Amino acid sequence: MLTACDLNPENFRYNGCPCQRIDANGRLPFADASFDFVCSIEVVEHLEDQFAFVRELFRVVKPGGRVIITTPNVLNINSRIRTLVCGFPLLFNPLKPGESTAGGAVHASTGHIHPVAYYFLDYQFRQAGFNEVNFHFDRLKRSAYGWMLLLSPIRLYGRHRFHRNLKREKLDGGPAIPHLNSMHMLAARTVIVEGVRAS
């Protein structure tokens, strides 16, 4: 059975599938192991406690089930350059002073209050208990390829220094590390993280 939920269910328009109101900042209103598949589209960057949210997704998915989260890819090269220039990744902006972040109601920045990079999402999934974590991408931005070419000496030097430091400090960094500067990571607008719960 297909179930939908949203902070603003009145914006959900799909005939035959009711949508219930939830606040993803708290406990989800579903029993343990309720779903074979759970999909969270552009939600996690609106939340104050991302670790708690991923644990909730793990709780409601059945053993052998899958959870998918999508979020703006703050590691694409355009976003890295914007962060260098103005201190904010793409799709994230200054917040209005005193405006509440509860329920993702920060309209000044389209509700984006908590940028999260792929590495930390991977870590959150593994901490929650997922035994397998994979990543995928949506469309690749053409403008990124020009920046990659222009900045390739800096990228290659920086990657070499980073991996040398990891080796010196005897840190393997985890399975996400090799992907952080891949061509797809540097060009994709959205990162899609998939977690599989052991049967």
N, C-alpha and C. Protein backbone atom coordinates (compact mmCIF):
# COMPACT_ATOMS: atom_id res chain seq x y z
N MET A 1 0.84 -1.19 0.00
CA MET A 1 0.00 0.00 0.00
C MET A 1 0.89 1.26 0.00
N LEU A 2 0.54 2.21 -0.84
CA LEU A 2 1.30 3.45 -0.95
C LEU A 2 0.79 4.45 0.08
N THR A 3 1.72 5.01 0.84
CA THR A 3 1.39 6.01 1.86
C THR A 3 2.22 7.25 1.63
N ALA A 4 1.59 8.41 1.71
CA ALA A 4 2.30 9.68 1.53
C ALA A 4 2.14 10.54 2.78
N CYS A 5 3.16 11.35 3.05
CA CYS A 5 3.08 12.27 4.18
C CYS A 5 3.91 13.50 3.85
N ASP A 6 3.52 14.62 4.47
CA ASP A 6 4.20 15.88 4.18
C ASP A 6 3.84 16.88 5.28
N LEU A 7 4.70 17.87 5.45
CA LEU A 7 4.40 18.95 6.38
C LEU A 7 3.19 19.75 5.90
N ASN A 8 3.05 19.85 4.55
CA ASN A 8 1.94 20.58 3.94
C ASN A 8 1.20 19.64 2.99
N PRO A 9 0.34 18.75 3.50
CA PRO A 9 -0.30 17.76 2.63
C PRO A 9 -1.23 18.36 1.59
N GLU A 10 -1.67 19.60 1.81
CA GLU A 10 -2.55 20.24 0.82
C GLU A 10 -1.84 20.46 -0.51
N ASN A 11 -0.51 20.43 -0.50
CA ASN A 11 0.25 20.60 -1.75
C ASN A 11 0.46 19.29 -2.49
N PHE A 12 0.05 18.17 -1.89
CA PHE A 12 0.23 16.85 -2.50
C PHE A 12 -0.96 16.56 -3.39
N ARG A 13 -0.71 16.28 -4.66
CA ARG A 13 -1.79 16.04 -5.61
C ARG A 13 -1.53 14.76 -6.39
N TYR A 14 -2.01 13.66 -5.84
CA TYR A 14 -1.90 12.38 -6.53
C TYR A 14 -3.15 11.58 -6.19
N ASN A 15 -4.02 11.40 -7.18
CA ASN A 15 -5.30 10.75 -6.95
C ASN A 15 -5.11 9.32 -6.45
N GLY A 16 -5.91 8.96 -5.46
CA GLY A 16 -5.89 7.59 -4.95
C GLY A 16 -4.88 7.35 -3.86
N CYS A 17 -4.11 8.39 -3.49
CA CYS A 17 -3.11 8.23 -2.43
C CYS A 17 -3.27 9.38 -1.45
N PRO A 18 -3.89 9.12 -0.31
CA PRO A 18 -4.03 10.20 0.68
C PRO A 18 -2.68 10.59 1.26
N CYS A 19 -2.59 11.83 1.68
CA CYS A 19 -1.35 12.34 2.25
C CYS A 19 -1.65 12.89 3.64
N GLN A 20 -0.94 12.38 4.65
CA GLN A 20 -1.18 12.85 6.01
C GLN A 20 -0.12 13.86 6.44
N ARG A 21 -0.52 14.73 7.34
CA ARG A 21 0.38 15.77 7.83
C ARG A 21 1.33 15.19 8.88
N ILE A 22 2.63 15.45 8.72
CA ILE A 22 3.61 15.05 9.72
C ILE A 22 4.62 16.18 9.91
N ASP A 23 5.34 16.12 11.00
CA ASP A 23 6.50 16.97 11.22
C ASP A 23 7.70 16.03 11.32
N ALA A 24 8.54 16.04 10.30
CA ALA A 24 9.66 15.11 10.24
C ALA A 24 10.73 15.40 11.29
N ASN A 25 10.58 16.50 12.05
CA ASN A 25 11.53 16.78 13.13
C ASN A 25 11.30 15.90 14.36
N GLY A 26 10.19 15.18 14.38
CA GLY A 26 9.90 14.33 15.52
C GLY A 26 9.73 12.88 15.13
N ARG A 27 9.06 12.12 16.00
CA ARG A 27 8.82 10.70 15.74
C ARG A 27 7.79 10.56 14.62
N LEU A 28 8.06 9.69 13.67
CA LEU A 28 7.14 9.47 12.56
C LEU A 28 5.94 8.66 13.05
N PRO A 29 4.73 8.97 12.58
CA PRO A 29 3.52 8.32 13.09
C PRO A 29 3.25 6.96 12.44
N PHE A 30 4.28 6.12 12.40
CA PHE A 30 4.15 4.80 11.80
C PHE A 30 4.77 3.77 12.72
N ALA A 31 4.22 2.55 12.69
CA ALA A 31 4.73 1.47 13.52
C ALA A 31 6.09 1.00 13.01
N ASP A 32 6.82 0.32 13.87
CA ASP A 32 8.10 -0.27 13.47
C ASP A 32 7.90 -1.21 12.29
N ALA A 33 8.89 -1.21 11.38
CA ALA A 33 8.90 -2.14 10.23
C ALA A 33 7.58 -2.10 9.45
N SER A 34 7.13 -0.90 9.11
CA SER A 34 5.85 -0.74 8.40
C SER A 34 5.98 -0.84 6.88
N PHE A 35 7.15 -0.49 6.33
CA PHE A 35 7.24 -0.31 4.88
C PHE A 35 8.38 -1.13 4.27
N ASP A 36 8.14 -1.57 3.04
CA ASP A 36 9.20 -2.23 2.26
C ASP A 36 10.18 -1.21 1.68
N PHE A 37 9.67 -0.02 1.42
CA PHE A 37 10.47 1.01 0.76
C PHE A 37 10.05 2.37 1.30
N VAL A 38 11.02 3.21 1.64
CA VAL A 38 10.75 4.55 2.15
C VAL A 38 11.56 5.55 1.33
N CYS A 39 10.90 6.61 0.88
CA CYS A 39 11.56 7.62 0.07
C CYS A 39 11.34 9.00 0.69
N SER A 40 12.42 9.72 0.94
CA SER A 40 12.37 11.06 1.50
C SER A 40 13.01 12.02 0.49
N ILE A 41 12.18 12.82 -0.16
CA ILE A 41 12.65 13.69 -1.24
C ILE A 41 12.81 15.11 -0.72
N GLU A 42 14.06 15.58 -0.67
CA GLU A 42 14.37 16.97 -0.31
C GLU A 42 13.74 17.34 1.04
N VAL A 43 13.99 16.53 2.05
CA VAL A 43 13.48 16.78 3.40
C VAL A 43 14.61 17.02 4.39
N VAL A 44 15.65 16.21 4.33
CA VAL A 44 16.66 16.18 5.40
C VAL A 44 17.35 17.53 5.60
N GLU A 45 17.47 18.34 4.53
CA GLU A 45 18.13 19.64 4.67
C GLU A 45 17.25 20.67 5.39
N HIS A 46 15.98 20.31 5.66
CA HIS A 46 15.05 21.18 6.38
C HIS A 46 15.02 20.88 7.88
N LEU A 47 15.74 19.85 8.32
CA LEU A 47 15.56 19.34 9.67
C LEU A 47 16.69 19.72 10.61
N GLU A 48 16.35 19.87 11.88
CA GLU A 48 17.34 20.22 12.89
C GLU A 48 18.17 19.01 13.32
N ASP A 49 17.54 17.85 13.47
CA ASP A 49 18.24 16.65 13.93
C ASP A 49 18.20 15.59 12.84
N GLN A 50 19.19 15.63 11.96
CA GLN A 50 19.21 14.71 10.84
C GLN A 50 19.47 13.28 11.28
N PHE A 51 20.29 13.09 12.32
CA PHE A 51 20.57 11.74 12.81
C PHE A 51 19.28 11.08 13.30
N ALA A 52 18.46 11.82 14.05
CA ALA A 52 17.20 11.28 14.56
C ALA A 52 16.27 10.91 13.42
N PHE A 53 16.24 11.72 12.37
CA PHE A 53 15.38 11.46 11.22
C PHE A 53 15.79 10.17 10.52
N VAL A 54 17.08 9.98 10.29
CA VAL A 54 17.55 8.76 9.62
C VAL A 54 17.27 7.54 10.49
N ARG A 55 17.42 7.68 11.81
CA ARG A 55 17.06 6.57 12.71
C ARG A 55 15.57 6.24 12.61
N GLU A 56 14.74 7.25 12.47
CA GLU A 56 13.31 7.03 12.31
C GLU A 56 13.01 6.28 11.00
N LEU A 57 13.70 6.64 9.93
CA LEU A 57 13.50 5.94 8.67
C LEU A 57 13.92 4.48 8.79
N PHE A 58 15.02 4.25 9.50
CA PHE A 58 15.46 2.87 9.74
C PHE A 58 14.41 2.11 10.54
N ARG A 59 13.81 2.77 11.52
CA ARG A 59 12.81 2.12 12.38
C ARG A 59 11.60 1.67 11.58
N VAL A 60 11.11 2.52 10.65
CA VAL A 60 9.84 2.21 9.98
C VAL A 60 10.00 1.32 8.75
N VAL A 61 11.24 1.09 8.29
CA VAL A 61 11.42 0.21 7.13
C VAL A 61 11.59 -1.23 7.60
N LYS A 62 11.06 -2.17 6.82
CA LYS A 62 11.15 -3.58 7.19
C LYS A 62 12.56 -4.12 6.97
N PRO A 63 12.94 -5.17 7.69
CA PRO A 63 14.20 -5.85 7.38
C PRO A 63 14.21 -6.27 5.90
N GLY A 64 15.32 -6.01 5.23
CA GLY A 64 15.41 -6.25 3.80
C GLY A 64 14.89 -5.10 2.96
N GLY A 65 14.32 -4.08 3.62
CA GLY A 65 13.78 -2.93 2.90
C GLY A 65 14.83 -1.88 2.58
N ARG A 66 14.42 -0.88 1.82
CA ARG A 66 15.34 0.17 1.37
C ARG A 66 14.79 1.55 1.72
N VAL A 67 15.71 2.45 2.02
CA VAL A 67 15.38 3.85 2.28
C VAL A 67 16.19 4.70 1.32
N ILE A 68 15.54 5.67 0.70
CA ILE A 68 16.23 6.61 -0.19
C ILE A 68 15.99 8.03 0.31
N ILE A 69 17.07 8.78 0.41
CA ILE A 69 17.02 10.21 0.75
C ILE A 69 17.66 10.99 -0.39
N THR A 70 17.01 12.07 -0.81
CA THR A 70 17.63 12.99 -1.76
C THR A 70 17.84 14.33 -1.07
N THR A 71 18.91 15.03 -1.47
CA THR A 71 19.20 16.34 -0.89
C THR A 71 20.10 17.11 -1.86
N PRO A 72 20.09 18.44 -1.83
CA PRO A 72 21.01 19.19 -2.68
C PRO A 72 22.45 18.75 -2.45
N ASN A 73 23.18 18.58 -3.54
CA ASN A 73 24.56 18.11 -3.46
C ASN A 73 25.48 19.30 -3.20
N VAL A 74 25.83 19.51 -1.93
CA VAL A 74 26.69 20.64 -1.58
C VAL A 74 28.15 20.39 -1.95
N LEU A 75 28.44 19.19 -2.47
CA LEU A 75 29.81 18.88 -2.90
C LEU A 75 30.02 19.06 -4.39
N ASN A 76 28.98 19.48 -5.14
CA ASN A 76 29.28 19.75 -6.55
C ASN A 76 30.16 20.99 -6.64
N ILE A 77 30.92 21.08 -7.72
CA ILE A 77 31.98 22.09 -7.76
C ILE A 77 31.41 23.50 -7.78
N ASN A 78 30.24 23.70 -8.38
CA ASN A 78 29.61 25.02 -8.36
C ASN A 78 29.27 25.43 -6.93
N SER A 79 28.79 24.47 -6.15
CA SER A 79 28.44 24.75 -4.76
C SER A 79 29.69 25.01 -3.91
N ARG A 80 30.77 24.27 -4.20
CA ARG A 80 32.02 24.50 -3.47
C ARG A 80 32.57 25.90 -3.76
N ILE A 81 32.46 26.33 -5.00
CA ILE A 81 32.94 27.67 -5.36
C ILE A 81 32.08 28.74 -4.69
N ARG A 82 30.76 28.53 -4.69
CA ARG A 82 29.88 29.52 -4.03
C ARG A 82 30.18 29.59 -2.53
N THR A 83 30.47 28.45 -1.91
CA THR A 83 30.83 28.45 -0.49
C THR A 83 32.12 29.22 -0.27
N LEU A 84 33.09 29.05 -1.17
CA LEU A 84 34.36 29.77 -1.06
C LEU A 84 34.14 31.28 -1.20
N VAL A 85 33.28 31.67 -2.12
CA VAL A 85 33.09 33.09 -2.43
C VAL A 85 32.24 33.80 -1.38
N CYS A 86 31.12 33.16 -0.97
CA CYS A 86 30.20 33.88 -0.07
C CYS A 86 29.88 33.14 1.22
N GLY A 87 30.39 31.93 1.39
CA GLY A 87 30.18 31.22 2.65
C GLY A 87 28.94 30.35 2.69
N PHE A 88 28.16 30.31 1.61
CA PHE A 88 26.95 29.50 1.56
C PHE A 88 26.96 28.61 0.33
N PRO A 89 26.66 27.30 0.50
CA PRO A 89 26.56 26.43 -0.68
C PRO A 89 25.33 26.79 -1.50
N LEU A 90 25.27 26.28 -2.72
CA LEU A 90 24.11 26.51 -3.57
C LEU A 90 22.84 26.04 -2.88
N LEU A 91 21.76 26.81 -3.07
CA LEU A 91 20.44 26.52 -2.52
C LEU A 91 20.34 26.75 -1.01
N PHE A 92 21.37 27.38 -0.44
CA PHE A 92 21.34 27.75 0.98
C PHE A 92 21.71 29.22 1.08
N ASN A 93 20.96 29.95 1.91
CA ASN A 93 21.15 31.39 2.04
C ASN A 93 21.05 31.81 3.50
N PRO A 94 21.40 33.06 3.82
CA PRO A 94 21.22 33.53 5.20
C PRO A 94 19.77 33.40 5.64
N LEU A 95 19.58 33.15 6.92
CA LEU A 95 18.24 33.00 7.48
C LEU A 95 17.80 34.31 8.13
N LYS A 96 16.50 34.54 8.16
CA LYS A 96 15.98 35.75 8.80
C LYS A 96 16.21 35.66 10.30
N PRO A 97 16.74 36.73 10.93
CA PRO A 97 16.95 36.71 12.40
C PRO A 97 15.65 36.45 13.14
N GLY A 98 15.72 35.51 14.08
CA GLY A 98 14.56 35.21 14.91
C GLY A 98 13.52 34.33 14.28
N GLU A 99 13.66 33.98 13.01
CA GLU A 99 12.65 33.14 12.37
C GLU A 99 12.82 31.70 12.84
N SER A 100 11.70 31.06 13.17
CA SER A 100 11.74 29.69 13.68
C SER A 100 12.19 28.72 12.60
N THR A 101 12.97 27.72 13.03
CA THR A 101 13.35 26.66 12.10
C THR A 101 12.46 25.43 12.26
N ALA A 102 11.55 25.44 13.22
CA ALA A 102 10.69 24.28 13.45
C ALA A 102 9.81 24.00 12.24
N GLY A 103 9.78 22.74 11.85
CA GLY A 103 8.92 22.35 10.74
C GLY A 103 9.41 22.82 9.40
N GLY A 104 10.64 23.27 9.30
CA GLY A 104 11.16 23.69 8.01
C GLY A 104 10.51 24.95 7.49
N ALA A 105 10.09 25.86 8.38
CA ALA A 105 9.32 27.03 7.97
C ALA A 105 10.20 28.26 7.73
N VAL A 106 11.40 28.06 7.24
CA VAL A 106 12.30 29.19 7.01
C VAL A 106 12.20 29.59 5.54
N HIS A 107 11.30 30.52 5.25
CA HIS A 107 11.00 30.85 3.86
C HIS A 107 12.10 31.65 3.19
N ALA A 108 12.91 32.34 3.97
CA ALA A 108 13.97 33.16 3.37
C ALA A 108 15.00 32.32 2.62
N SER A 109 15.11 31.06 2.99
CA SER A 109 16.09 30.20 2.33
C SER A 109 15.41 28.93 1.82
N THR A 110 14.16 29.07 1.38
CA THR A 110 13.34 27.95 0.92
C THR A 110 13.31 26.83 1.96
N GLY A 111 13.47 27.16 3.22
CA GLY A 111 13.41 26.17 4.28
C GLY A 111 14.68 25.37 4.47
N HIS A 112 15.72 25.66 3.72
CA HIS A 112 16.97 24.91 3.83
C HIS A 112 17.80 25.47 4.99
N ILE A 113 17.87 24.70 6.08
CA ILE A 113 18.57 25.19 7.26
C ILE A 113 19.79 24.35 7.62
N HIS A 114 19.99 23.21 6.95
CA HIS A 114 20.99 22.27 7.42
C HIS A 114 21.65 21.53 6.25
N PRO A 115 22.60 22.16 5.57
CA PRO A 115 23.26 21.47 4.46
C PRO A 115 24.01 20.25 4.96
N VAL A 116 23.93 19.17 4.20
CA VAL A 116 24.62 17.94 4.61
C VAL A 116 25.29 17.32 3.38
N ALA A 117 26.56 17.04 3.51
CA ALA A 117 27.33 16.45 2.42
C ALA A 117 27.16 14.94 2.41
N TYR A 118 27.45 14.34 1.26
CA TYR A 118 27.28 12.90 1.09
C TYR A 118 27.99 12.10 2.18
N TYR A 119 29.21 12.46 2.51
CA TYR A 119 29.97 11.71 3.51
C TYR A 119 29.20 11.60 4.83
N PHE A 120 28.60 12.71 5.27
CA PHE A 120 27.92 12.71 6.56
C PHE A 120 26.57 12.00 6.49
N LEU A 121 25.91 12.02 5.33
CA LEU A 121 24.71 11.21 5.17
C LEU A 121 25.06 9.73 5.22
N ASP A 122 26.14 9.34 4.56
CA ASP A 122 26.61 7.96 4.61
C ASP A 122 26.86 7.55 6.07
N TYR A 123 27.50 8.44 6.82
CA TYR A 123 27.80 8.17 8.23
C TYR A 123 26.50 8.02 9.03
N GLN A 124 25.53 8.92 8.79
CA GLN A 124 24.26 8.85 9.50
C GLN A 124 23.53 7.53 9.22
N PHE A 125 23.54 7.10 7.97
CA PHE A 125 22.89 5.84 7.60
C PHE A 125 23.55 4.67 8.33
N ARG A 126 24.87 4.64 8.35
CA ARG A 126 25.58 3.53 8.99
C ARG A 126 25.38 3.56 10.51
N GLN A 127 25.36 4.74 11.10
CA GLN A 127 25.10 4.86 12.53
C GLN A 127 23.70 4.39 12.89
N ALA A 128 22.75 4.60 11.98
CA ALA A 128 21.36 4.20 12.23
C ALA A 128 21.20 2.68 12.16
N GLY A 129 22.11 1.99 11.46
CA GLY A 129 22.03 0.54 11.39
C GLY A 129 21.96 -0.06 10.01
N PHE A 130 21.92 0.78 8.97
CA PHE A 130 21.88 0.24 7.61
C PHE A 130 23.20 -0.48 7.32
N ASN A 131 23.10 -1.68 6.81
CA ASN A 131 24.32 -2.46 6.56
C ASN A 131 24.91 -2.21 5.18
N GLU A 132 24.14 -1.59 4.31
CA GLU A 132 24.64 -1.25 2.97
C GLU A 132 24.18 0.15 2.62
N VAL A 133 25.10 0.98 2.13
CA VAL A 133 24.76 2.35 1.74
C VAL A 133 25.33 2.60 0.36
N ASN A 134 24.47 3.03 -0.56
CA ASN A 134 24.87 3.33 -1.94
C ASN A 134 24.50 4.76 -2.26
N PHE A 135 25.12 5.31 -3.30
CA PHE A 135 24.74 6.65 -3.71
C PHE A 135 24.53 6.71 -5.21
N HIS A 136 23.67 7.64 -5.62
CA HIS A 136 23.31 7.85 -7.02
C HIS A 136 23.19 9.36 -7.24
N PHE A 137 23.00 9.76 -8.48
CA PHE A 137 22.89 11.19 -8.80
C PHE A 137 21.75 11.41 -9.78
N ASP A 138 21.24 12.66 -9.80
CA ASP A 138 20.30 13.02 -10.85
C ASP A 138 21.08 13.67 -11.97
N ARG A 139 20.59 14.79 -12.50
CA ARG A 139 21.24 15.37 -13.67
C ARG A 139 22.59 16.00 -13.31
N LEU A 140 23.48 15.98 -14.32
CA LEU A 140 24.80 16.57 -14.15
C LEU A 140 24.81 17.95 -14.77
N LYS A 141 25.42 18.91 -14.09
CA LYS A 141 25.44 20.30 -14.56
C LYS A 141 26.62 20.51 -15.51
N ARG A 142 26.33 20.99 -16.71
CA ARG A 142 27.39 21.19 -17.71
C ARG A 142 28.43 22.20 -17.26
N SER A 143 27.99 23.22 -16.54
CA SER A 143 28.92 24.26 -16.11
C SER A 143 30.01 23.70 -15.21
N ALA A 144 29.72 22.57 -14.54
CA ALA A 144 30.69 22.00 -13.61
C ALA A 144 31.94 21.50 -14.33
N TYR A 145 31.77 21.03 -15.56
CA TYR A 145 32.91 20.45 -16.27
C TYR A 145 33.96 21.50 -16.61
N GLY A 146 33.53 22.71 -16.93
CA GLY A 146 34.47 23.79 -17.18
C GLY A 146 35.27 24.14 -15.94
N TRP A 147 34.57 24.22 -14.79
CA TRP A 147 35.26 24.51 -13.52
C TRP A 147 36.22 23.39 -13.15
N MET A 148 35.81 22.14 -13.40
CA MET A 148 36.70 21.02 -13.08
C MET A 148 38.00 21.10 -13.88
N LEU A 149 37.87 21.44 -15.16
CA LEU A 149 39.06 21.56 -16.01
C LEU A 149 39.93 22.72 -15.54
N LEU A 150 39.32 23.86 -15.29
CA LEU A 150 40.06 25.05 -14.88
C LEU A 150 40.77 24.82 -13.53
N LEU A 151 40.11 24.14 -12.62
CA LEU A 151 40.65 23.97 -11.27
C LEU A 151 41.33 22.62 -11.04
N SER A 152 41.56 21.86 -12.11
CA SER A 152 42.11 20.51 -11.95
C SER A 152 43.46 20.48 -11.22
N PRO A 153 44.39 21.42 -11.46
CA PRO A 153 45.65 21.35 -10.69
C PRO A 153 45.42 21.50 -9.18
N ILE A 154 44.54 22.42 -8.79
CA ILE A 154 44.25 22.62 -7.37
C ILE A 154 43.55 21.39 -6.80
N ARG A 155 42.58 20.84 -7.55
CA ARG A 155 41.86 19.65 -7.09
C ARG A 155 42.80 18.47 -6.88
N LEU A 156 43.67 18.23 -7.86
CA LEU A 156 44.57 17.07 -7.77
C LEU A 156 45.56 17.24 -6.62
N TYR A 157 46.09 18.45 -6.46
CA TYR A 157 47.02 18.70 -5.37
C TYR A 157 46.33 18.54 -4.01
N GLY A 158 45.12 19.11 -3.89
CA GLY A 158 44.38 19.03 -2.64
C GLY A 158 44.01 17.59 -2.30
N ARG A 159 43.61 16.82 -3.30
CA ARG A 159 43.26 15.42 -3.05
C ARG A 159 44.48 14.63 -2.59
N HIS A 160 45.62 14.90 -3.23
CA HIS A 160 46.86 14.21 -2.85
C HIS A 160 47.22 14.52 -1.40
N ARG A 161 47.15 15.79 -0.99
CA ARG A 161 47.47 16.18 0.39
C ARG A 161 46.49 15.54 1.38
N PHE A 162 45.22 15.54 1.02
CA PHE A 162 44.20 14.99 1.91
C PHE A 162 44.45 13.50 2.16
N HIS A 163 44.66 12.74 1.09
CA HIS A 163 44.86 11.29 1.24
C HIS A 163 46.19 11.00 1.95
N ARG A 164 47.18 11.83 1.74
CA ARG A 164 48.45 11.66 2.44
C ARG A 164 48.26 11.85 3.94
N ASN A 165 47.45 12.86 4.32
CA ASN A 165 47.18 13.10 5.74
C ASN A 165 46.38 11.95 6.36
N LEU A 166 45.41 11.42 5.61
CA LEU A 166 44.65 10.27 6.11
C LEU A 166 45.58 9.10 6.40
N LYS A 167 46.49 8.86 5.46
CA LYS A 167 47.42 7.73 5.62
C LYS A 167 48.35 7.96 6.80
N ARG A 168 48.86 9.18 6.96
CA ARG A 168 49.77 9.49 8.04
C ARG A 168 49.10 9.33 9.40
N GLU A 169 47.83 9.71 9.48
CA GLU A 169 47.09 9.61 10.74
C GLU A 169 46.40 8.26 10.92
N LYS A 170 46.63 7.36 9.95
CA LYS A 170 46.09 6.00 9.99
C LYS A 170 44.56 6.01 10.08
N LEU A 171 43.95 6.84 9.25
CA LEU A 171 42.50 6.90 9.14
C LEU A 171 42.11 6.41 7.75
N ASP A 172 41.20 5.45 7.68
CA ASP A 172 40.77 5.02 6.34
C ASP A 172 39.66 5.91 5.81
N GLY A 173 38.96 6.63 6.71
CA GLY A 173 37.95 7.59 6.28
C GLY A 173 36.61 6.98 5.94
N GLY A 174 36.56 5.66 5.79
CA GLY A 174 35.29 5.00 5.47
C GLY A 174 35.07 4.86 3.98
N PRO A 175 34.02 4.12 3.61
CA PRO A 175 33.78 3.80 2.20
C PRO A 175 33.35 4.98 1.34
N ALA A 176 32.92 6.09 1.96
CA ALA A 176 32.46 7.24 1.18
C ALA A 176 33.61 8.07 0.62
N ILE A 177 34.77 8.01 1.25
CA ILE A 177 35.88 8.89 0.90
C ILE A 177 36.26 8.86 -0.58
N PRO A 178 36.40 7.68 -1.21
CA PRO A 178 36.83 7.68 -2.62
C PRO A 178 35.88 8.40 -3.57
N HIS A 179 34.63 8.59 -3.16
CA HIS A 179 33.65 9.19 -4.06
C HIS A 179 33.54 10.71 -3.93
N LEU A 180 34.17 11.30 -2.93
CA LEU A 180 33.93 12.71 -2.63
C LEU A 180 34.39 13.65 -3.73
N ASN A 181 35.37 13.23 -4.53
CA ASN A 181 35.86 14.08 -5.62
C ASN A 181 35.71 13.41 -6.97
N SER A 182 34.75 12.48 -7.06
CA SER A 182 34.51 11.82 -8.35
C SER A 182 33.87 12.82 -9.32
N MET A 183 33.93 12.51 -10.59
CA MET A 183 33.35 13.40 -11.61
C MET A 183 31.86 13.61 -11.37
N HIS A 184 31.15 12.52 -11.03
CA HIS A 184 29.71 12.65 -10.81
C HIS A 184 29.41 13.49 -9.58
N MET A 185 30.18 13.29 -8.51
CA MET A 185 29.95 14.08 -7.30
C MET A 185 30.17 15.57 -7.57
N LEU A 186 31.16 15.89 -8.37
CA LEU A 186 31.49 17.28 -8.65
C LEU A 186 30.52 17.94 -9.62
N ALA A 187 29.72 17.14 -10.35
CA ALA A 187 28.85 17.71 -11.37
C ALA A 187 27.36 17.61 -11.05
N ALA A 188 26.96 16.71 -10.16
CA ALA A 188 25.53 16.45 -9.95
C ALA A 188 24.87 17.51 -9.08
N ARG A 189 23.64 17.85 -9.43
CA ARG A 189 22.88 18.81 -8.64
C ARG A 189 22.38 18.20 -7.34
N THR A 190 21.94 16.94 -7.40
CA THR A 190 21.34 16.28 -6.24
C THR A 190 22.07 14.98 -5.95
N VAL A 191 22.27 14.70 -4.68
CA VAL A 191 22.82 13.40 -4.29
C VAL A 191 21.67 12.55 -3.74
N ILE A 192 21.68 11.29 -4.12
CA ILE A 192 20.64 10.33 -3.73
C ILE A 192 21.32 9.22 -2.95
N VAL A 193 20.97 9.09 -1.68
CA VAL A 193 21.59 8.08 -0.82
C VAL A 193 20.58 6.97 -0.55
N GLU A 194 21.02 5.74 -0.75
CA GLU A 194 20.16 4.55 -0.59
C GLU A 194 20.71 3.66 0.52
N GLY A 195 19.89 3.39 1.50
CA GLY A 195 20.29 2.49 2.58
C GLY A 195 19.48 1.21 2.54
N VAL A 196 20.15 0.09 2.78
CA VAL A 196 19.49 -1.22 2.80
C VAL A 196 19.57 -1.78 4.22
N ARG A 197 18.42 -2.13 4.76
CA ARG A 197 18.38 -2.72 6.10
C ARG A 197 18.53 -4.24 5.98
N ALA A 198 19.41 -4.81 6.77
CA ALA A 198 19.66 -6.24 6.69
C ALA A 198 18.38 -7.03 6.96
N SER A 199 18.23 -8.15 6.28
CA SER A 199 17.06 -9.02 6.46
C SER A 199 17.10 -9.69 7.82
